[in-house]
C-alpha atoms as a PDB file:
ATOM      1  CA  MET A   1       0.000   0.000   0.000  1.00  0.00           C
ATOM      2  CA  PRO A   2       1.222   3.537  -0.679  1.00  0.00           C
ATOM      3  CA  GLU A   3       2.551   5.828   1.994  1.00  0.00           C
ATOM      4  CA  HIS A   4       0.001   7.941   3.830  1.00  0.00           C
ATOM      5  CA  ILE A   5      -0.414  11.264   2.054  1.00  0.00           C
ATOM      6  CA  ALA A   6      -1.671  13.151   5.091  1.00  0.00           C
ATOM      7  CA  ASN A   7       0.967  15.772   5.623  1.00  0.00           C
ATOM      8  CA  PRO A   8       1.420  19.151   3.930  1.00  0.00           C
ATOM      9  CA  SER A   9       4.453  18.234   1.797  1.00  0.00           C
ATOM     10  CA  ARG A  10       3.043  14.952   0.456  1.00  0.00           C
ATOM     11  CA  THR A  11      -0.329  16.540  -0.194  1.00  0.00           C
ATOM     12  CA  ALA A  12       1.335  19.372  -2.098  1.00  0.00           C
ATOM     13  CA  ALA A  13       3.409  16.899  -4.128  1.00  0.00           C
ATOM     14  CA  VAL A  14       0.348  14.869  -5.143  1.00  0.00           C
ATOM     15  CA  LEU A  15      -1.585  17.977  -6.141  1.00  0.00           C
ATOM     16  CA  LYS A  16       1.365  19.319  -8.151  1.00  0.00           C
ATOM     17  CA  ARG A  17       1.960  15.996  -9.889  1.00  0.00           C
ATOM     18  CA  HIS A  18      -1.636  15.958 -11.125  1.00  0.00           C
ATOM     19  CA  GLY A  19      -1.859  19.683 -11.821  1.00  0.00           C
ATOM     20  CA  PHE A  20      -4.863  19.897  -9.513  1.00  0.00           C
ATOM     21  CA  THR A  21      -6.401  23.256  -8.664  1.00  0.00           C
ATOM     22  CA  PHE A  22      -9.038  23.760  -5.997  1.00  0.00           C
ATOM     23  CA  LYS A  23     -12.619  24.616  -6.855  1.00  0.00           C
ATOM     24  CA  LYS A  24     -14.042  26.869  -4.184  1.00  0.00           C
ATOM     25  CA  SER A  25     -17.549  26.021  -5.429  1.00  0.00           C
ATOM     26  CA  LEU A  26     -17.018  22.408  -4.304  1.00  0.00           C
ATOM     27  CA  GLY A  27     -15.841  23.298  -0.820  1.00  0.00           C
ATOM     28  CA  GLN A  28     -12.557  21.430  -1.227  1.00  0.00           C
ATOM     29  CA  ASN A  29     -10.434  21.529   1.937  1.00  0.00           C
ATOM     30  CA  PHE A  30      -8.075  18.576   2.394  1.00  0.00           C
ATOM     31  CA  LEU A  31      -6.908  17.387   5.812  1.00  0.00           C
ATOM     32  CA  THR A  32      -3.127  17.116   6.213  1.00  0.00           C
ATOM     33  CA  ASN A  33      -2.823  15.961   9.841  1.00  0.00           C
ATOM     34  CA  PRO A  34      -2.525  12.156  10.252  1.00  0.00           C
ATOM     35  CA  THR A  35      -3.266  12.292  13.972  1.00  0.00           C
ATOM     36  CA  ILE A  36      -6.636  13.882  13.298  1.00  0.00           C
ATOM     37  CA  LEU A  37      -7.408  11.333  10.593  1.00  0.00           C
ATOM     38  CA  GLN A  38      -6.646   8.475  12.989  1.00  0.00           C
ATOM     39  CA  ASN A  39      -8.810  10.157  15.626  1.00  0.00           C
ATOM     40  CA  ILE A  40     -11.709  10.307  13.154  1.00  0.00           C
ATOM     41  CA  VAL A  41     -11.408   6.586  12.525  1.00  0.00           C
ATOM     42  CA  ASP A  42     -11.234   5.977  16.283  1.00  0.00           C
ATOM     43  CA  ALA A  43     -14.339   8.121  16.847  1.00  0.00           C
ATOM     44  CA  ALA A  44     -16.166   5.956  14.294  1.00  0.00           C
ATOM     45  CA  SER A  45     -15.034   2.786  16.148  1.00  0.00           C
ATOM     46  CA  LEU A  46     -14.294   1.119  12.821  1.00  0.00           C
ATOM     47  CA  THR A  47     -13.603  -2.614  12.661  1.00  0.00           C
ATOM     48  CA  GLN A  48     -13.663  -5.352  10.036  1.00  0.00           C
ATOM     49  CA  ALA A  49     -17.361  -5.742  10.879  1.00  0.00           C
ATOM     50  CA  ASP A  50     -18.072  -2.375   9.215  1.00  0.00           C
ATOM     51  CA  ASP A  51     -18.753  -1.277   5.652  1.00  0.00           C
ATOM     52  CA  VAL A  52     -18.256   2.461   5.116  1.00  0.00           C
ATOM     53  CA  ILE A  53     -19.630   5.103   2.783  1.00  0.00           C
ATOM     54  CA  GLU A  54     -17.296   8.069   2.467  1.00  0.00           C
ATOM     55  CA  VAL A  55     -18.663  11.276   0.968  1.00  0.00           C
ATOM     56  CA  GLY A  56     -16.079  13.410  -0.814  1.00  0.00           C
ATOM     57  CA  PRO A  57     -12.787  11.489  -0.464  1.00  0.00           C
ATOM     58  CA  GLY A  58     -10.790  14.332  -2.028  1.00  0.00           C
ATOM     59  CA  ILE A  59      -7.302  12.983  -2.635  1.00  0.00           C
ATOM     60  CA  GLY A  60      -7.854   9.985  -0.365  1.00  0.00           C
ATOM     61  CA  ALA A  61      -6.149  10.994   2.886  1.00  0.00           C
ATOM     62  CA  LEU A  62      -9.045   9.929   5.122  1.00  0.00           C
ATOM     63  CA  THR A  63      -9.934   7.058   2.775  1.00  0.00           C
ATOM     64  CA  GLN A  64      -6.569   5.435   3.461  1.00  0.00           C
ATOM     65  CA  PHE A  65      -7.185   5.392   7.202  1.00  0.00           C
ATOM     66  CA  ILE A  66     -10.763   4.135   6.803  1.00  0.00           C
ATOM     67  CA  ALA A  67      -9.664   1.325   4.487  1.00  0.00           C
ATOM     68  CA  GLU A  68      -7.037   0.151   6.950  1.00  0.00           C
ATOM     69  CA  ASN A  69      -9.672  -0.328   9.642  1.00  0.00           C
ATOM     70  CA  ALA A  70     -12.950  -1.263   7.890  1.00  0.00           C
ATOM     71  CA  ASN A  71     -14.113  -4.168   5.767  1.00  0.00           C
ATOM     72  CA  HIS A  72     -15.097  -2.297   2.609  1.00  0.00           C
ATOM     73  CA  VAL A  73     -15.236   1.370   1.570  1.00  0.00           C
ATOM     74  CA  LEU A  74     -17.415   3.013  -1.043  1.00  0.00           C
ATOM     75  CA  ALA A  75     -16.176   6.550  -1.731  1.00  0.00           C
ATOM     76  CA  LEU A  76     -18.504   8.945  -3.554  1.00  0.00           C
ATOM     77  CA  GLU A  77     -16.639  11.767  -5.334  1.00  0.00           C
ATOM     78  CA  VAL A  78     -18.368  14.457  -7.378  1.00  0.00           C
ATOM     79  CA  ASP A  79     -15.213  15.960  -8.962  1.00  0.00           C
ATOM     80  CA  GLY A  80     -14.042  13.798 -11.872  1.00  0.00           C
ATOM     81  CA  ARG A  81     -10.656  15.526 -11.854  1.00  0.00           C
ATOM     82  CA  LEU A  82      -9.863  13.667  -8.626  1.00  0.00           C
ATOM     83  CA  LEU A  83     -10.345  10.165 -10.028  1.00  0.00           C
ATOM     84  CA  PRO A  84      -6.765   9.817 -11.361  1.00  0.00           C
ATOM     85  CA  VAL A  85      -5.443  11.238  -8.089  1.00  0.00           C
ATOM     86  CA  LEU A  86      -7.419   8.663  -6.107  1.00  0.00           C
ATOM     87  CA  ALA A  87      -6.274   5.893  -8.445  1.00  0.00           C
ATOM     88  CA  GLU A  88      -2.724   6.733  -7.381  1.00  0.00           C
ATOM     89  CA  THR A  89      -3.207   7.378  -3.665  1.00  0.00           C
ATOM     90  CA  LEU A  90      -5.487   4.373  -3.144  1.00  0.00           C
ATOM     91  CA  ASP A  91      -3.479   1.952  -5.284  1.00  0.00           C
ATOM     92  CA  GLY A  92      -3.090  -1.211  -3.236  1.00  0.00           C
ATOM     93  CA  TYR A  93      -6.194  -0.672  -1.144  1.00  0.00           C
ATOM     94  CA  LEU A  94      -8.212  -3.564  -2.549  1.00  0.00           C
ATOM     95  CA  ASN A  95     -11.199  -2.925  -0.276  1.00  0.00           C
ATOM     96  CA  VAL A  96     -11.941   0.553  -1.701  1.00  0.00           C
ATOM     97  CA  GLU A  97     -14.248   1.448  -4.575  1.00  0.00           C
ATOM     98  CA  VAL A  98     -14.437   5.019  -5.845  1.00  0.00           C
ATOM     99  CA  VAL A  99     -17.476   6.081  -7.868  1.00  0.00           C
ATOM    100  CA  LEU A 100     -18.118   9.376  -9.595  1.00  0.00           C
ATOM    101  CA  GLU A 101     -21.356  10.340  -7.891  1.00  0.00           C
ATOM    102  CA  ASP A 102     -23.090  13.361  -6.381  1.00  0.00           C
ATOM    103  CA  VAL A 103     -24.337  12.113  -3.018  1.00  0.00           C
ATOM    104  CA  LEU A 104     -27.331  14.466  -3.162  1.00  0.00           C
ATOM    105  CA  LYS A 105     -28.482  12.902  -6.433  1.00  0.00           C
ATOM    106  CA  ALA A 106     -27.438   9.337  -5.664  1.00  0.00           C
ATOM    107  CA  ASP A 107     -29.822   6.430  -5.203  1.00  0.00           C
ATOM    108  CA  LEU A 108     -28.112   5.350  -2.004  1.00  0.00           C
ATOM    109  CA  PRO A 109     -30.049   2.106  -1.413  1.00  0.00           C
ATOM    110  CA  LYS A 110     -29.177   1.008  -4.958  1.00  0.00           C
ATOM    111  CA  LEU A 111     -25.490   1.850  -4.495  1.00  0.00           C
ATOM    112  CA  VAL A 112     -25.356  -0.005  -1.195  1.00  0.00           C
ATOM    113  CA  ALA A 113     -27.023  -3.063  -2.733  1.00  0.00           C
ATOM    114  CA  GLU A 114     -24.551  -3.009  -5.637  1.00  0.00           C
ATOM    115  CA  HIS A 115     -21.357  -2.526  -3.636  1.00  0.00           C
ATOM    116  CA  PHE A 116     -21.910  -4.157  -0.220  1.00  0.00           C
ATOM    117  CA  ASP A 117     -22.875  -7.697   0.712  1.00  0.00           C
ATOM    118  CA  GLY A 118     -25.293  -6.688   3.474  1.00  0.00           C
ATOM    119  CA  LYS A 119     -23.467  -8.781   6.073  1.00  0.00           C
ATOM    120  CA  HIS A 120     -21.717  -5.903   7.846  1.00  0.00           C
ATOM    121  CA  ASN A 121     -22.630  -2.792   9.803  1.00  0.00           C
ATOM    122  CA  LEU A 122     -23.137   0.235   7.576  1.00  0.00           C
ATOM    123  CA  LYS A 123     -21.437   3.469   8.627  1.00  0.00           C
ATOM    124  CA  VAL A 124     -20.712   6.865   7.113  1.00  0.00           C
ATOM    125  CA  VAL A 125     -17.323   8.482   7.720  1.00  0.00           C
ATOM    126  CA  ALA A 126     -16.584  11.717   5.888  1.00  0.00           C
ATOM    127  CA  ASN A 127     -15.168  15.208   5.817  1.00  0.00           C
ATOM    128  CA  LEU A 128     -18.290  16.939   4.530  1.00  0.00           C
ATOM    129  CA  PRO A 129     -18.185  20.045   2.303  1.00  0.00           C
ATOM    130  CA  TYR A 130     -19.244  22.904   4.563  1.00  0.00           C
ATOM    131  CA  TYR A 131     -21.610  24.556   2.113  1.00  0.00           C
ATOM    132  CA  ILE A 132     -23.856  21.481   1.783  1.00  0.00           C
ATOM    133  CA  THR A 133     -23.437  19.769   5.150  1.00  0.00           C
ATOM    134  CA  THR A 134     -27.095  20.105   6.127  1.00  0.00           C
ATOM    135  CA  PRO A 135     -28.496  18.877   2.776  1.00  0.00           C
ATOM    136  CA  ILE A 136     -26.148  15.877   2.872  1.00  0.00           C
ATOM    137  CA  LEU A 137     -27.118  14.957   6.428  1.00  0.00           C
ATOM    138  CA  THR A 138     -30.799  15.308   5.558  1.00  0.00           C
ATOM    139  CA  HIS A 139     -30.372  13.194   2.425  1.00  0.00           C
ATOM    140  CA  LEU A 140     -28.565  10.474   4.357  1.00  0.00           C
ATOM    141  CA  MET A 141     -31.204  10.449   7.082  1.00  0.00           C
ATOM    142  CA  ASN A 142     -34.044  10.321   4.549  1.00  0.00           C
ATOM    143  CA  SER A 143     -32.441   7.476   2.593  1.00  0.00           C
ATOM    144  CA  GLN A 144     -33.840   4.932   5.079  1.00  0.00           C
ATOM    145  CA  LEU A 145     -30.551   3.046   4.968  1.00  0.00           C
ATOM    146  CA  PRO A 146     -29.756   1.205   8.225  1.00  0.00           C
ATOM    147  CA  PHE A 147     -26.723   3.269   9.210  1.00  0.00           C
ATOM    148  CA  THR A 148     -25.495   2.364  12.661  1.00  0.00           C
ATOM    149  CA  SER A 149     -23.583   5.641  12.839  1.00  0.00           C
ATOM    150  CA  LEU A 150     -22.350   8.664  10.941  1.00  0.00           C
ATOM    151  CA  THR A 151     -18.992  10.170  11.936  1.00  0.00           C
ATOM    152  CA  VAL A 152     -18.536  13.363   9.996  1.00  0.00           C
ATOM    153  CA  MET A 153     -16.489  16.520  10.027  1.00  0.00           C
ATOM    154  CA  MET A 154     -18.463  19.713   9.689  1.00  0.00           C
ATOM    155  CA  GLN A 155     -18.306  23.410  10.415  1.00  0.00           C
ATOM    156  CA  LYS A 156     -18.311  23.908  14.199  1.00  0.00           C
ATOM    157  CA  GLU A 157     -21.350  26.155  13.883  1.00  0.00           C
ATOM    158  CA  VAL A 158     -23.381  23.276  12.409  1.00  0.00           C
ATOM    159  CA  ALA A 159     -22.124  20.919  15.117  1.00  0.00           C
ATOM    160  CA  ASP A 160     -23.403  23.404  17.687  1.00  0.00           C
ATOM    161  CA  ARG A 161     -26.838  23.274  16.045  1.00  0.00           C
ATOM    162  CA  LEU A 162     -26.930  19.465  16.071  1.00  0.00           C
ATOM    163  CA  THR A 163     -26.122  19.269  19.779  1.00  0.00           C
ATOM    164  CA  ALA A 164     -28.185  22.267  20.905  1.00  0.00           C
ATOM    165  CA  LYS A 165     -30.713  22.261  23.736  1.00  0.00           C
ATOM    166  CA  PRO A 166     -33.982  24.232  23.972  1.00  0.00           C
ATOM    167  CA  ASN A 167     -33.749  27.902  24.966  1.00  0.00           C
ATOM    168  CA  SER A 168     -30.571  28.448  22.961  1.00  0.00           C
ATOM    169  CA  LYS A 169     -29.859  30.319  19.734  1.00  0.00           C
ATOM    170  CA  ASP A 170     -28.523  27.184  18.046  1.00  0.00           C
ATOM    171  CA  TYR A 171     -31.639  25.091  18.709  1.00  0.00           C
ATOM    172  CA  GLY A 172     -33.850  24.691  15.647  1.00  0.00           C
ATOM    173  CA  SER A 173     -35.613  22.372  13.243  1.00  0.00           C
ATOM    174  CA  LEU A 174     -32.332  20.694  12.221  1.00  0.00           C
ATOM    175  CA  THR A 175     -31.601  19.950  15.883  1.00  0.00           C
ATOM    176  CA  ILE A 176     -34.980  18.288  16.270  1.00  0.00           C
ATOM    177  CA  ALA A 177     -34.833  16.334  13.008  1.00  0.00           C
ATOM    178  CA  ILE A 178     -31.467  14.830  13.904  1.00  0.00           C
ATOM    179  CA  GLN A 179     -31.937  14.294  17.637  1.00  0.00           C
ATOM    180  CA  GLN A 180     -35.273  12.536  17.159  1.00  0.00           C
ATOM    181  CA  GLN A 181     -33.482   9.683  15.374  1.00  0.00           C
ATOM    182  CA  MET A 182     -29.846   9.921  16.471  1.00  0.00           C
ATOM    183  CA  ASP A 183     -27.762  10.365  19.586  1.00  0.00           C
ATOM    184  CA  VAL A 184     -25.350  13.201  18.796  1.00  0.00           C
ATOM    185  CA  GLN A 185     -21.896  13.614  20.320  1.00  0.00           C
ATOM    186  CA  VAL A 186     -19.058  15.984  19.433  1.00  0.00           C
ATOM    187  CA  ALA A 187     -15.920  13.831  19.442  1.00  0.00           C
ATOM    188  CA  PHE A 188     -13.411  16.676  19.110  1.00  0.00           C
ATOM    189  CA  GLU A 189     -12.781  20.005  17.405  1.00  0.00           C
ATOM    190  CA  VAL A 190     -10.339  20.686  14.570  1.00  0.00           C
ATOM    191  CA  LYS A 191      -8.559  23.972  13.931  1.00  0.00           C
ATOM    192  CA  ARG A 192      -8.649  25.417  10.418  1.00  0.00           C
ATOM    193  CA  THR A 193      -4.843  25.251  10.171  1.00  0.00           C
ATOM    194  CA  ASN A 194      -5.045  21.463   9.620  1.00  0.00           C
ATOM    195  CA  PHE A 195      -6.407  21.861   6.084  1.00  0.00           C
ATOM    196  CA  VAL A 196      -5.139  22.772   2.631  1.00  0.00           C
ATOM    197  CA  PRO A 197      -6.413  25.276   1.759  1.00  0.00           C
ATOM    198  CA  ALA A 198      -7.362  26.493   5.239  1.00  0.00           C
ATOM    199  CA  PRO A 199     -11.103  27.227   5.528  1.00  0.00           C
ATOM    200  CA  ASN A 200     -12.392  30.364   7.201  1.00  0.00           C
ATOM    201  CA  VAL A 201     -13.887  28.472  10.140  1.00  0.00           C
ATOM    202  CA  ASP A 202     -12.974  25.796  12.652  1.00  0.00           C
ATOM    203  CA  SER A 203     -14.494  22.331  12.433  1.00  0.00           C
ATOM    204  CA  ALA A 204     -15.784  19.555  14.642  1.00  0.00           C
ATOM    205  CA  ILE A 205     -16.021  15.797  14.351  1.00  0.00           C
ATOM    206  CA  VAL A 206     -19.531  14.692  15.235  1.00  0.00           C
ATOM    207  CA  THR A 207     -20.708  11.125  15.726  1.00  0.00           C
ATOM    208  CA  LEU A 208     -24.395  10.433  15.209  1.00  0.00           C
ATOM    209  CA  THR A 209     -25.480   7.012  16.447  1.00  0.00           C
ATOM    210  CA  ARG A 210     -28.911   5.675  15.557  1.00  0.00           C
ATOM    211  CA  ARG A 211     -31.192   5.333  18.565  1.00  0.00           C
ATOM    212  CA  ALA A 212     -32.713   1.912  19.211  1.00  0.00           C
ATOM    213  CA  GLU A 213     -36.044   3.769  19.382  1.00  0.00           C
ATOM    214  CA  PRO A 214     -36.774   7.346  18.258  1.00  0.00           C
ATOM    215  CA  LEU A 215     -36.506   9.957  21.006  1.00  0.00           C
ATOM    216  CA  ILE A 216     -40.234  10.535  20.475  1.00  0.00           C
ATOM    217  CA  THR A 217     -42.811   8.898  18.229  1.00  0.00           C
ATOM    218  CA  VAL A 218     -45.565  10.911  16.590  1.00  0.00           C
ATOM    219  CA  ASN A 219     -48.763  10.022  14.770  1.00  0.00           C
ATOM    220  CA  ASN A 220     -47.622  11.605  11.513  1.00  0.00           C
ATOM    221  CA  GLN A 221     -43.892  12.140  10.903  1.00  0.00           C
ATOM    222  CA  ALA A 222     -44.425  14.324   7.815  1.00  0.00           C
ATOM    223  CA  SER A 223     -46.736  16.622   9.786  1.00  0.00           C
ATOM    224  CA  PHE A 224     -44.235  16.770  12.636  1.00  0.00           C
ATOM    225  CA  ASP A 225     -41.436  17.760  10.237  1.00  0.00           C
ATOM    226  CA  LYS A 226     -43.652  20.431   8.661  1.00  0.00           C
ATOM    227  CA  LEU A 227     -44.499  21.816  12.100  1.00  0.00           C
ATOM    228  CA  THR A 228     -40.905  22.029  13.323  1.00  0.00           C
ATOM    229  CA  ARG A 229     -39.695  23.692  10.131  1.00  0.00           C
ATOM    230  CA  GLY A 230     -42.570  26.171  10.132  1.00  0.00           C
ATOM    231  CA  ALA A 231     -42.278  26.965  13.827  1.00  0.00           C
ATOM    232  CA  PHE A 232     -38.716  28.221  13.305  1.00  0.00           C
ATOM    233  CA  ALA A 233     -39.454  30.052  10.038  1.00  0.00           C
ATOM    234  CA  ALA A 234     -39.214  33.407  11.812  1.00  0.00           C
ATOM    235  CA  ARG A 235     -37.270  32.845  15.020  1.00  0.00           C
ATOM    236  CA  ARG A 236     -38.043  36.245  16.529  1.00  0.00           C
ATOM    237  CA  LYS A 237     -41.789  35.763  16.179  1.00  0.00           C
ATOM    238  CA  THR A 238     -43.942  33.910  18.676  1.00  0.00           C
ATOM    239  CA  LEU A 239     -44.980  30.326  18.111  1.00  0.00           C
ATOM    240  CA  TRP A 240     -48.522  31.593  17.495  1.00  0.00           C
ATOM    241  CA  ASN A 241     -47.494  33.918  14.674  1.00  0.00           C
ATOM    242  CA  ASN A 242     -45.495  31.185  12.985  1.00  0.00           C
ATOM    243  CA  LEU A 243     -48.372  28.717  13.297  1.00  0.00           C
ATOM    244  CA  VAL A 244     -50.830  31.194  11.767  1.00  0.00           C
ATOM    245  CA  ASN A 245     -48.417  31.817   8.888  1.00  0.00           C
ATOM    246  CA  LEU A 246     -47.971  28.074   8.421  1.00  0.00           C
ATOM    247  CA  TYR A 247     -51.580  26.913   8.631  1.00  0.00           C
ATOM    248  CA  GLY A 248     -53.525  30.057   7.685  1.00  0.00           C
ATOM    249  CA  LYS A 249     -55.540  32.733   9.486  1.00  0.00           C
ATOM    250  CA  ALA A 250     -58.787  30.908   8.759  1.00  0.00           C
ATOM    251  CA  ASN A 251     -57.674  28.144  11.134  1.00  0.00           C
ATOM    252  CA  ARG A 252     -57.062  30.327  14.203  1.00  0.00           C
ATOM    253  CA  ASP A 253     -59.733  28.671  16.353  1.00  0.00           C
ATOM    254  CA  ALA A 254     -58.536  25.164  15.546  1.00  0.00           C
ATOM    255  CA  LEU A 255     -54.945  26.204  16.242  1.00  0.00           C
ATOM    256  CA  LYS A 256     -55.920  27.624  19.641  1.00  0.00           C
ATOM    257  CA  GLN A 257     -57.652  24.372  20.490  1.00  0.00           C
ATOM    258  CA  ALA A 258     -54.642  22.302  19.447  1.00  0.00           C
ATOM    259  CA  LEU A 259     -52.358  24.427  21.621  1.00  0.00           C
ATOM    260  CA  GLU A 260     -54.701  23.970  24.576  1.00  0.00           C
ATOM    261  CA  THR A 261     -54.830  20.220  23.989  1.00  0.00           C
ATOM    262  CA  ALA A 262     -51.027  20.077  23.932  1.00  0.00           C
ATOM    263  CA  ASP A 263     -50.827  22.377  26.994  1.00  0.00           C
ATOM    264  CA  ILE A 264     -48.577  24.860  25.205  1.00  0.00           C
ATOM    265  CA  ASP A 265     -48.597  28.644  25.596  1.00  0.00           C
ATOM    266  CA  ALA A 266     -49.122  30.343  22.249  1.00  0.00           C
ATOM    267  CA  LYS A 267     -46.927  33.285  23.307  1.00  0.00           C
ATOM    268  CA  VAL A 268     -43.704  31.285  23.598  1.00  0.00           C
ATOM    269  CA  ARG A 269     -41.126  31.111  20.829  1.00  0.00           C
ATOM    270  CA  ALA A 270     -40.310  27.865  19.065  1.00  0.00           C
ATOM    271  CA  GLU A 271     -36.880  27.666  20.716  1.00  0.00           C
ATOM    272  CA  ASP A 272     -38.615  27.392  24.107  1.00  0.00           C
ATOM    273  CA  LEU A 273     -40.261  24.055  23.269  1.00  0.00           C
ATOM    274  CA  SER A 274     -38.690  20.676  23.936  1.00  0.00           C
ATOM    275  CA  ILE A 275     -38.802  17.958  21.291  1.00  0.00           C
ATOM    276  CA  ALA A 276     -41.443  16.168  23.387  1.00  0.00           C
ATOM    277  CA  GLU A 277     -43.612  19.308  23.436  1.00  0.00           C
ATOM    278  CA  PHE A 278     -43.340  19.595  19.660  1.00  0.00           C
ATOM    279  CA  GLY A 279     -44.467  15.972  19.521  1.00  0.00           C
ATOM    280  CA  ARG A 280     -47.553  16.693  21.631  1.00  0.00           C
ATOM    281  CA  LEU A 281     -48.434  19.699  19.495  1.00  0.00           C
ATOM    282  CA  SER A 282     -47.931  17.737  16.294  1.00  0.00           C
ATOM    283  CA  ASP A 283     -50.302  15.013  17.465  1.00  0.00           C
ATOM    284  CA  ALA A 284     -52.883  17.598  18.533  1.00  0.00           C
ATOM    285  CA  LEU A 285     -52.677  19.287  15.132  1.00  0.00           C
ATOM    286  CA  ASP A 286     -52.889  15.938  13.387  1.00  0.00           C
ATOM    287  CA  ALA A 287     -56.011  15.059  15.380  1.00  0.00           C
ATOM    288  CA  ALA A 288     -57.505  18.407  14.354  1.00  0.00           C
ATOM    289  CA  GLY A 289     -57.007  17.567  10.691  1.00  0.00           C
ATOM    290  CA  PHE A 290     -53.906  19.607   9.881  1.00  0.00           C
END
């Protein structure tokens, strides 16, 4: 197997050899610190019992570490210019497959069926592009694939949102959507100086582990998701104002009744409600025909 490429000089040599230039539009920031890469793999608790999807392998620095610890790796790369680079840096890693694929457009269940045998745990380990972290997480969660965990690097600001508690500025619909299904832990933070090129923000490694049972269950998940998104549409407005905007002024009386049924004060803001309280309100709205 080739030498690890995760240090500034080797990374620079690979990029120069292939004449690679960064595309800012793709959010390309490559890790060059091997200690951090090993810590990511450790945070994911990878073993030979695990198959891994990596989103955005870049030049393969993290892929090398994943491959050395997991059973099989499927790396999805959207930038075709990186395929010859990956062919070099991953030469000798027989348990890695690289496919040219946009994760947001990918049929993930089909890819998993084609590339994995279904006999191992399925995990995601990735350094996610900052500008589409939330869409990628949402897409992965909505794929219905049986991920046991996702260990991903993201902008620290997004990590703060995923781990937020009620009554905080970071708490929102993304918090609720993720925490309902996953236990969320920040493994460690990463300074911007560990990347080439250095991003403008610091990062965090977050591990999301699927709960054995959802944090709450609701009568209608689609209605619950609509409610939580709508309730935070205008954070400075009261819950009541956001509900009226979401469901219409003609439904004021029914909305008041649903709030009473759920024992929730209409004058609070969305950030004041726990996930359980959103669940009660969702069920009350569902019962009222919303």
